[in-house]
Amino acid sequence: MLPARLRAGLLFFVSAVASSALGQELPKDFDAYVERTMKTFQVPGLSIAVVKDGKVVLAKGYGITKLGTTNPATSDTLFGIASN
């Protein structure tokens, strides 16, 4: 499990991405942005879903599911966060 500081950073990142994406189209360099941010927060993998007006704009996984594995994260990967 990720340390609390990394989990908090990741949650903030995902919230910021979702908030900015709801008001406009996703930037063309969105994948690069996600990968840079993952590196900054030392996050091995994540899944993102952005929904606008009831339609899925983006559902994608980045990185790996768990440190020490090579299993790629997908839009269906379940990650433990906070108390969920």
Protein backbone atom coordinates (compact mmCIF):
# COMPACT_ATOMS: atom_id res chain seq x y z
CA MET A 1 0.00 0.00 0.00
CA LEU A 2 1.17 3.51 -0.76
CA PRO A 3 2.14 5.83 2.10
CA ALA A 4 -0.58 8.28 3.15
CA ARG A 5 1.21 11.26 1.59
CA LEU A 6 1.28 9.56 -1.81
CA ARG A 7 -2.33 8.46 -1.59
CA ALA A 8 -3.36 12.03 -0.73
CA GLY A 9 -1.31 13.40 -3.63
CA LEU A 10 -2.81 10.88 -6.01
CA LEU A 11 -6.36 11.68 -4.92
CA PHE A 12 -5.67 15.39 -5.35
CA PHE A 13 -4.22 14.72 -8.82
CA VAL A 14 -7.21 12.67 -9.95
CA SER A 15 -9.63 15.28 -8.60
CA ALA A 16 -7.78 18.09 -10.37
CA VAL A 17 -7.68 16.17 -13.65
CA ALA A 18 -11.38 15.37 -13.48
CA SER A 19 -12.31 18.95 -12.58
CA SER A 20 -10.30 20.46 -15.41
CA ALA A 21 -11.48 17.89 -17.93
CA LEU A 22 -15.16 18.51 -17.23
CA GLY A 23 -14.99 22.05 -18.53
CA GLN A 24 -13.21 21.31 -21.81
CA GLU A 25 -11.83 18.66 -24.12
CA LEU A 26 -8.92 16.64 -22.77
CA PRO A 27 -5.57 18.10 -23.80
CA LYS A 28 -3.73 16.32 -26.62
CA ASP A 29 -0.76 15.72 -24.30
CA PHE A 30 -2.96 14.29 -21.52
CA ASP A 31 -1.14 10.92 -21.41
CA ALA A 32 2.23 12.65 -21.04
CA TYR A 33 0.76 14.86 -18.29
CA VAL A 34 -0.48 11.81 -16.38
CA GLU A 35 2.86 10.04 -16.72
CA ARG A 36 4.82 13.11 -15.53
CA THR A 37 2.51 13.50 -12.54
CA MET A 38 2.79 9.80 -11.67
CA LYS A 39 6.56 10.19 -11.68
CA THR A 40 6.38 13.31 -9.49
CA PHE A 41 4.21 11.57 -6.88
CA GLN A 42 6.01 8.21 -7.28
CA VAL A 43 2.78 6.40 -8.17
CA PRO A 44 3.31 3.01 -9.86
CA GLY A 45 -0.16 2.87 -11.43
CA LEU A 46 -3.61 4.37 -11.55
CA SER A 47 -6.92 4.25 -13.37
CA ILE A 48 -8.77 7.35 -14.47
CA ALA A 49 -12.38 7.80 -15.52
CA VAL A 50 -13.72 11.14 -16.66
CA VAL A 51 -17.47 11.46 -17.18
CA LYS A 52 -19.09 14.51 -18.75
CA ASP A 53 -22.82 14.96 -19.27
CA GLY A 54 -23.37 11.30 -18.41
CA LYS A 55 -20.92 10.05 -21.03
CA VAL A 56 -17.50 8.52 -20.42
CA VAL A 57 -14.92 10.86 -21.96
CA LEU A 58 -11.96 8.78 -20.81
CA ALA A 59 -11.48 5.44 -19.05
CA LYS A 60 -7.88 4.32 -19.00
CA GLY A 61 -5.20 2.72 -16.85
CA TYR A 62 -1.62 3.92 -16.54
CA GLY A 63 1.43 2.12 -15.15
CA ILE A 64 1.29 -1.13 -13.21
CA THR A 65 -1.14 -2.61 -10.69
CA LYS A 66 1.40 -3.24 -7.92
CA LEU A 67 5.08 -2.67 -7.23
CA GLY A 68 7.14 -5.73 -8.04
CA THR A 69 4.81 -6.86 -10.83
CA THR A 70 4.54 -6.13 -14.52
CA ASN A 71 0.75 -6.34 -14.63
CA PRO A 72 -0.51 -3.25 -16.47
CA ALA A 73 -3.19 -1.10 -14.89
CA THR A 74 -6.37 -0.89 -16.94
CA SER A 75 -9.62 1.02 -16.72
CA ASP A 76 -11.01 -1.98 -14.80
CA THR A 77 -8.21 -2.24 -12.23
CA LEU A 78 -9.42 -1.83 -8.64
CA PHE A 79 -7.10 0.10 -6.33
CA GLY A 80 -7.48 0.36 -2.54
CA ILE A 81 -7.90 4.01 -1.57
CA ALA A 82 -8.57 5.62 1.80
CA SER A 83 -11.10 3.57 3.74
CA ASN A 84 -12.84 2.12 0.68
